[in-house]
Amino acid sequence: MKKSVSGFLFALTTAICWGMVPLALKPILRFMDSSTIVWYRFSVAAVGLLIILKFLDKLPQAKLLLSPRFRWLTIIGIVALSGNFLLFNTSLSYLDPAVTQVIAQVSPFLMMIASAVFLKELIGPTQKIGAVLLVIGLLLFFNERLAELLTSMTAYTKGVLLSLSAALIWVGYGLAQKLMLRRFNSQQILLIFYTGSALLFTPMAEVGSVSRLPLLELFCLAFCCLNTLVAYGCYAEAINRWEVSKVSAIITLTPLFTILFSEIAYLAAPHAFALPDLNLLSYIGACVVVTGALCSAIGHTFLFRRPKKS
């Protein structure tokens, strides 16, 4: 199989997995707190990835992590990824899954700004256009809730703030990973972050609460744990096999997958899953947000393509 085809399939798998995970997380929150859910996700992912890397003889070198430079990057990455997972999980107690995934599209743009500030990377014109489309899309998406978001601290507002905080803190993980890629591969970095995050949540996790989960919620928890391992693993493989901009373009479809799966889940089990509370303008706004992310990721390949020599 060509690398471009396999890269596309890995990227598509990642987008589908990330599109499904908030749907599976929301029912679990009725029976288990966010810290415990996150602990299970990190622990299963860490053990699974440890086995895979041990089998491939690609475990990271511990002595590199002890150097001052990588020690601090490791701490930043672990704290940021842990915070992102916890805040994202908690926001689902207040918001529909589709809303959290649309807000999550803010992360790449925050990462773009952070890269320009800390890594001195340039922001291209299509990325600026994408940022404008993102703002317009978010305004359309929240058209019915703008007054509420700007004037009162309701449960919905709290959920949006938690989700935005998750998007903001993810930038720390993204920057740490980007700098650590100079000495580790992406799977090794994930193992380090998963293990550290699992240890971080161990004192807060009520491990025994899993015994109180009904069958559906237990299945959802198992799915989320495997989803963490599969989604991030596929994302790493996609980056290895395909251009980063093209992988990013596929990943931006995640909110649309979440909306689609929300509709399907409601039709299949209306007692367990809620129908997204969105009007027509909200759907249009979600599409504009995705368009903005696409423009930022691959817009330059269309607007600034070099003419072929005759």
Protein backbone atom coordinates (compact mmCIF):
# COMPACT_ATOMS: atom_id res chain seq x y z
CA MET A 1 0.00 0.00 0.00
CA LYS A 2 1.31 3.45 -0.92
CA LYS A 3 2.36 5.69 1.95
CA SER A 4 -0.11 8.37 0.86
CA VAL A 5 -3.03 5.92 0.98
CA SER A 6 -2.05 4.43 4.34
CA GLY A 7 -1.39 7.93 5.70
CA PHE A 8 -4.87 9.01 4.63
CA LEU A 9 -6.45 5.93 6.24
CA PHE A 10 -4.57 6.48 9.50
CA ALA A 11 -5.60 10.16 9.55
CA LEU A 12 -9.22 9.28 8.79
CA THR A 13 -9.21 6.67 11.57
CA THR A 14 -7.91 9.32 13.98
CA ALA A 15 -10.64 11.80 13.02
CA ILE A 16 -13.33 9.13 13.41
CA CYS A 17 -11.97 8.02 16.80
CA TRP A 18 -11.75 11.58 18.10
CA GLY A 19 -15.22 12.25 16.73
CA MET A 20 -16.68 9.32 18.68
CA VAL A 21 -14.88 9.66 22.02
CA PRO A 22 -16.93 12.55 23.53
CA LEU A 23 -20.12 10.62 22.78
CA ALA A 24 -18.80 7.64 24.72
CA LEU A 25 -17.48 9.80 27.57
CA LYS A 26 -20.70 11.67 28.34
CA PRO A 27 -22.76 8.69 29.65
CA ILE A 28 -19.89 7.59 31.92
CA LEU A 29 -19.87 10.96 33.71
CA ARG A 30 -23.19 10.09 35.35
CA PHE A 31 -21.47 7.32 37.33
CA MET A 32 -17.74 8.19 37.45
CA ASP A 33 -15.81 11.42 38.07
CA SER A 34 -13.55 12.94 35.41
CA SER A 35 -10.29 12.22 37.25
CA THR A 36 -11.03 8.50 37.41
CA ILE A 37 -12.06 8.32 33.76
CA VAL A 38 -8.87 10.10 32.72
CA TRP A 39 -6.77 7.78 34.94
CA TYR A 40 -8.24 4.70 33.24
CA ARG A 41 -7.66 6.17 29.78
CA PHE A 42 -4.03 7.05 30.47
CA SER A 43 -3.27 3.81 32.32
CA VAL A 44 -4.62 1.52 29.60
CA ALA A 45 -2.94 3.58 26.86
CA ALA A 46 0.39 3.55 28.75
CA VAL A 47 0.35 -0.22 29.31
CA GLY A 48 -0.72 -0.92 25.72
CA LEU A 49 1.93 1.34 24.22
CA LEU A 50 4.59 -0.02 26.60
CA ILE A 51 3.92 -3.55 25.34
CA ILE A 52 4.03 -2.42 21.69
CA LEU A 53 7.30 -0.47 22.04
CA LYS A 54 8.89 -3.25 24.09
CA PHE A 55 8.01 -5.73 21.35
CA LEU A 56 9.49 -3.38 18.73
CA ASP A 57 12.53 -2.70 20.94
CA LYS A 58 11.90 1.05 20.71
CA LEU A 59 11.51 2.06 24.35
CA PRO A 60 12.77 5.61 25.10
CA GLN A 61 16.10 6.05 26.86
CA ALA A 62 15.48 7.06 30.46
CA LYS A 63 18.81 8.87 30.78
CA LEU A 64 17.76 11.43 28.15
CA LEU A 65 14.71 12.34 30.22
CA LEU A 66 16.94 13.14 33.19
CA SER A 67 18.82 15.86 31.31
CA PRO A 68 17.69 19.35 32.43
CA ARG A 69 16.27 20.27 29.02
CA PHE A 70 14.08 17.23 28.49
CA ARG A 71 13.14 16.97 32.16
CA TRP A 72 11.32 20.29 32.01
CA LEU A 73 9.76 19.55 28.61
CA THR A 74 8.50 16.24 30.01
CA ILE A 75 6.93 17.94 33.02
CA ILE A 76 5.27 20.59 30.84
CA GLY A 77 3.95 17.97 28.40
CA ILE A 78 2.56 15.73 31.16
CA VAL A 79 0.86 18.58 33.03
CA ALA A 80 -0.58 20.06 29.81
CA LEU A 81 -1.90 16.77 28.41
CA SER A 82 -3.34 15.81 31.82
CA GLY A 83 -5.03 19.19 32.14
CA ASN A 84 -6.42 18.97 28.62
CA PHE A 85 -7.96 15.55 29.22
CA LEU A 86 -9.41 16.55 32.61
CA LEU A 87 -10.88 19.85 31.42
CA PHE A 88 -12.29 18.28 28.24
CA ASN A 89 -13.91 15.45 30.22
CA THR A 90 -15.36 17.88 32.76
CA SER A 91 -16.77 20.18 30.06
CA LEU A 92 -18.88 17.28 28.80
CA SER A 93 -20.90 17.49 32.04
CA TYR A 94 -22.24 20.84 30.78
CA LEU A 95 -22.09 20.67 26.97
CA ASP A 96 -23.12 18.46 24.08
CA PRO A 97 -20.23 16.47 22.54
CA ALA A 98 -20.55 18.38 19.26
CA VAL A 99 -20.04 21.71 21.03
CA THR A 100 -16.83 20.56 22.73
CA GLN A 101 -15.35 19.35 19.45
CA VAL A 102 -16.14 22.59 17.63
CA ILE A 103 -14.44 24.56 20.42
CA ALA A 104 -11.47 22.17 20.24
CA GLN A 105 -10.72 23.56 16.77
CA VAL A 106 -9.36 26.63 18.56
CA SER A 107 -6.30 24.56 19.61
CA PRO A 108 -4.48 24.55 16.22
CA PHE A 109 -4.80 28.32 15.97
CA LEU A 110 -3.53 28.83 19.51
CA MET A 111 -0.67 26.47 18.63
CA MET A 112 0.02 28.57 15.54
CA ILE A 113 0.29 31.73 17.65
CA ALA A 114 2.45 30.01 20.27
CA SER A 115 4.79 28.66 17.57
CA ALA A 116 5.17 32.16 16.16
CA VAL A 117 5.95 33.61 19.61
CA PHE A 118 8.20 30.89 21.05
CA LEU A 119 9.60 29.12 17.98
CA LYS A 120 9.69 32.16 15.67
CA GLU A 121 7.62 30.43 12.98
CA LEU A 122 5.89 32.61 10.40
CA ILE A 123 2.10 32.91 10.15
CA GLY A 124 1.07 32.75 6.49
CA PRO A 125 -1.81 34.65 4.85
CA THR A 126 -4.01 31.55 4.56
CA GLN A 127 -3.57 30.91 8.29
CA LYS A 128 -4.74 34.45 8.99
CA ILE A 129 -7.76 33.89 6.73
CA GLY A 130 -8.42 30.63 8.56
CA ALA A 131 -8.34 32.44 11.91
CA VAL A 132 -10.92 34.98 10.68
CA LEU A 133 -13.16 32.15 9.45
CA LEU A 134 -12.79 30.44 12.82
CA VAL A 135 -14.08 33.52 14.67
CA ILE A 136 -16.98 33.94 12.21
CA GLY A 137 -17.81 30.24 12.48
CA LEU A 138 -17.83 30.30 16.28
CA LEU A 139 -20.12 33.35 16.32
CA LEU A 140 -22.53 31.55 13.99
CA PHE A 141 -22.27 28.30 15.95
CA PHE A 142 -23.17 30.00 19.25
CA ASN A 143 -25.75 32.32 17.67
CA GLU A 144 -28.50 31.39 20.14
CA ARG A 145 -26.19 31.43 23.16
CA LEU A 146 -24.09 34.57 22.60
CA ALA A 147 -26.06 36.73 25.06
CA GLU A 148 -25.91 33.99 27.68
CA LEU A 149 -22.16 33.49 27.19
CA LEU A 150 -21.41 37.21 27.47
CA THR A 151 -23.73 38.17 30.34
CA SER A 152 -24.14 35.28 32.80
CA MET A 153 -22.23 32.39 34.38
CA THR A 154 -24.65 29.59 33.56
CA ALA A 155 -23.81 25.89 33.36
CA TYR A 156 -23.46 26.29 29.58
CA THR A 157 -21.03 29.21 29.99
CA LYS A 158 -19.01 27.20 32.50
CA GLY A 159 -18.80 24.32 30.03
CA VAL A 160 -17.60 26.62 27.24
CA LEU A 161 -14.93 28.12 29.52
CA LEU A 162 -13.75 24.64 30.54
CA SER A 163 -13.60 23.57 26.90
CA LEU A 164 -11.69 26.71 25.88
CA SER A 165 -9.28 26.14 28.78
CA ALA A 166 -8.71 22.60 27.52
CA ALA A 167 -7.90 23.97 24.07
CA LEU A 168 -5.53 26.55 25.57
CA ILE A 169 -3.60 24.16 27.81
CA TRP A 170 -3.23 21.67 24.93
CA VAL A 171 -0.76 24.15 23.39
CA GLY A 172 1.73 23.32 26.15
CA TYR A 173 1.54 19.66 25.18
CA GLY A 174 1.91 20.50 21.49
CA LEU A 175 4.99 22.67 22.02
CA ALA A 176 6.63 20.13 24.36
CA GLN A 177 6.03 17.32 21.88
CA LYS A 178 7.37 19.41 19.00
CA LEU A 179 10.64 20.11 20.83
CA MET A 180 11.04 16.54 22.11
CA LEU A 181 10.69 15.14 18.58
CA ARG A 182 14.32 16.15 18.06
CA ARG A 183 15.43 13.20 20.22
CA PHE A 184 12.40 10.90 20.57
CA ASN A 185 9.86 9.55 18.09
CA SER A 186 6.17 10.38 18.54
CA GLN A 187 5.22 7.01 20.07
CA GLN A 188 8.00 7.26 22.67
CA ILE A 189 6.81 10.73 23.64
CA LEU A 190 3.25 9.47 24.02
CA LEU A 191 4.43 6.64 26.28
CA ILE A 192 6.29 9.14 28.47
CA PHE A 193 3.29 11.47 28.69
CA TYR A 194 0.73 8.67 29.21
CA THR A 195 2.78 7.13 32.03
CA GLY A 196 3.41 10.45 33.74
CA SER A 197 -0.24 11.48 33.43
CA ALA A 198 -1.47 8.16 34.82
CA LEU A 199 0.83 8.58 37.83
CA LEU A 200 -0.36 12.17 38.27
CA PHE A 201 -4.02 11.10 38.51
CA THR A 202 -3.42 8.00 40.67
CA PRO A 203 -4.00 9.78 44.04
CA MET A 204 -7.30 11.26 42.77
CA ALA A 205 -8.72 8.20 41.00
CA GLU A 206 -11.50 6.13 42.57
CA VAL A 207 -10.45 2.94 40.80
CA GLY A 208 -13.13 0.80 42.46
CA SER A 209 -15.96 2.90 41.03
CA VAL A 210 -15.68 0.90 37.80
CA SER A 211 -17.60 -1.90 39.55
CA ARG A 212 -20.67 0.37 39.79
CA LEU A 213 -20.87 1.06 36.05
CA PRO A 214 -23.85 -0.37 34.16
CA LEU A 215 -23.05 -2.53 31.14
CA LEU A 216 -23.42 0.26 28.55
CA GLU A 217 -21.23 2.69 30.50
CA LEU A 218 -18.64 -0.06 31.14
CA PHE A 219 -18.48 -0.69 27.40
CA CYS A 220 -18.12 3.07 26.80
CA LEU A 221 -15.22 3.26 29.27
CA ALA A 222 -13.43 0.33 27.61
CA PHE A 223 -13.99 1.99 24.23
CA CYS A 224 -12.56 5.31 25.46
CA CYS A 225 -9.46 3.60 26.87
CA LEU A 226 -8.75 1.78 23.62
CA ASN A 227 -9.68 4.91 21.66
CA THR A 228 -6.89 6.86 23.37
CA LEU A 229 -4.31 4.27 22.32
CA VAL A 230 -5.64 3.79 18.78
CA ALA A 231 -6.38 7.43 17.92
CA TYR A 232 -3.06 8.89 19.01
CA GLY A 233 -1.19 5.89 17.58
CA CYS A 234 -2.89 6.33 14.20
CA TYR A 235 -2.19 10.06 14.31
CA ALA A 236 1.52 9.39 14.85
CA GLU A 237 1.58 6.88 11.99
CA ALA A 238 -0.28 9.29 9.71
CA ILE A 239 2.34 11.97 10.37
CA ASN A 240 5.11 9.47 9.57
CA ARG A 241 3.55 8.44 6.25
CA TRP A 242 1.88 11.62 4.93
CA GLU A 243 2.40 15.37 4.83
CA VAL A 244 1.52 17.08 8.11
CA SER A 245 -0.71 19.65 6.38
CA LYS A 246 -2.78 16.92 4.71
CA VAL A 247 -3.12 14.97 7.95
CA SER A 248 -4.24 18.17 9.68
CA ALA A 249 -6.83 18.73 6.95
CA ILE A 250 -8.41 15.32 7.64
CA ILE A 251 -8.31 15.88 11.42
CA THR A 252 -10.29 19.12 11.05
CA LEU A 253 -13.28 16.99 10.02
CA THR A 254 -13.58 15.69 13.61
CA PRO A 255 -16.47 18.01 14.66
CA LEU A 256 -18.51 16.92 11.63
CA PHE A 257 -17.97 13.28 12.57
CA THR A 258 -19.11 14.08 16.12
CA ILE A 259 -22.30 15.72 14.85
CA LEU A 260 -22.95 12.77 12.52
CA PHE A 261 -22.33 10.17 15.23
CA SER A 262 -24.50 12.14 17.68
CA GLU A 263 -27.43 11.86 15.29
CA ILE A 264 -26.80 8.14 14.75
CA ALA A 265 -26.37 7.44 18.48
CA TYR A 266 -29.63 9.21 19.30
CA LEU A 267 -31.52 7.19 16.71
CA ALA A 268 -29.97 3.95 18.01
CA ALA A 269 -30.36 4.60 21.76
CA PRO A 270 -32.38 7.75 22.58
CA HIS A 271 -32.47 6.77 26.28
CA ALA A 272 -28.66 7.00 26.52
CA PHE A 273 -27.68 9.69 24.01
CA ALA A 274 -29.11 13.17 23.43
CA LEU A 275 -29.82 14.83 20.11
CA PRO A 276 -27.49 17.81 19.47
CA ASP A 277 -29.23 21.07 20.42
CA LEU A 278 -28.26 22.96 17.26
CA ASN A 279 -30.19 25.13 14.82
CA LEU A 280 -29.43 25.71 11.13
CA LEU A 281 -27.03 28.60 11.82
CA SER A 282 -25.13 26.41 14.28
CA TYR A 283 -24.64 23.72 11.64
CA ILE A 284 -23.47 26.37 9.17
CA GLY A 285 -21.13 27.76 11.83
CA ALA A 286 -19.62 24.32 12.44
CA CYS A 287 -18.92 24.01 8.72
CA VAL A 288 -17.33 27.48 8.65
CA VAL A 289 -15.10 26.54 11.62
CA VAL A 290 -13.97 23.41 9.77
CA THR A 291 -13.42 25.47 6.60
CA GLY A 292 -11.23 27.87 8.57
CA ALA A 293 -9.17 25.00 9.93
CA LEU A 294 -8.86 23.52 6.42
CA CYS A 295 -7.78 26.88 5.03
CA SER A 296 -5.11 27.16 7.70
CA ALA A 297 -3.85 23.61 7.10
CA ILE A 298 -3.79 23.33 3.30
CA GLY A 299 -4.97 26.68 1.89
CA HIS A 300 -1.45 27.63 0.81
CA THR A 301 -1.26 24.63 -1.54
CA PHE A 302 -4.17 26.03 -3.57
CA LEU A 303 -3.67 29.79 -3.35
CA PHE A 304 0.09 29.83 -3.74
CA ARG A 305 0.73 26.84 -5.97
CA ARG A 306 3.71 27.33 -8.25
CA PRO A 307 2.81 27.29 -11.96
CA LYS A 308 4.13 24.30 -13.86
CA LYS A 309 6.87 24.97 -16.38
CA SER A 310 5.79 24.45 -19.96
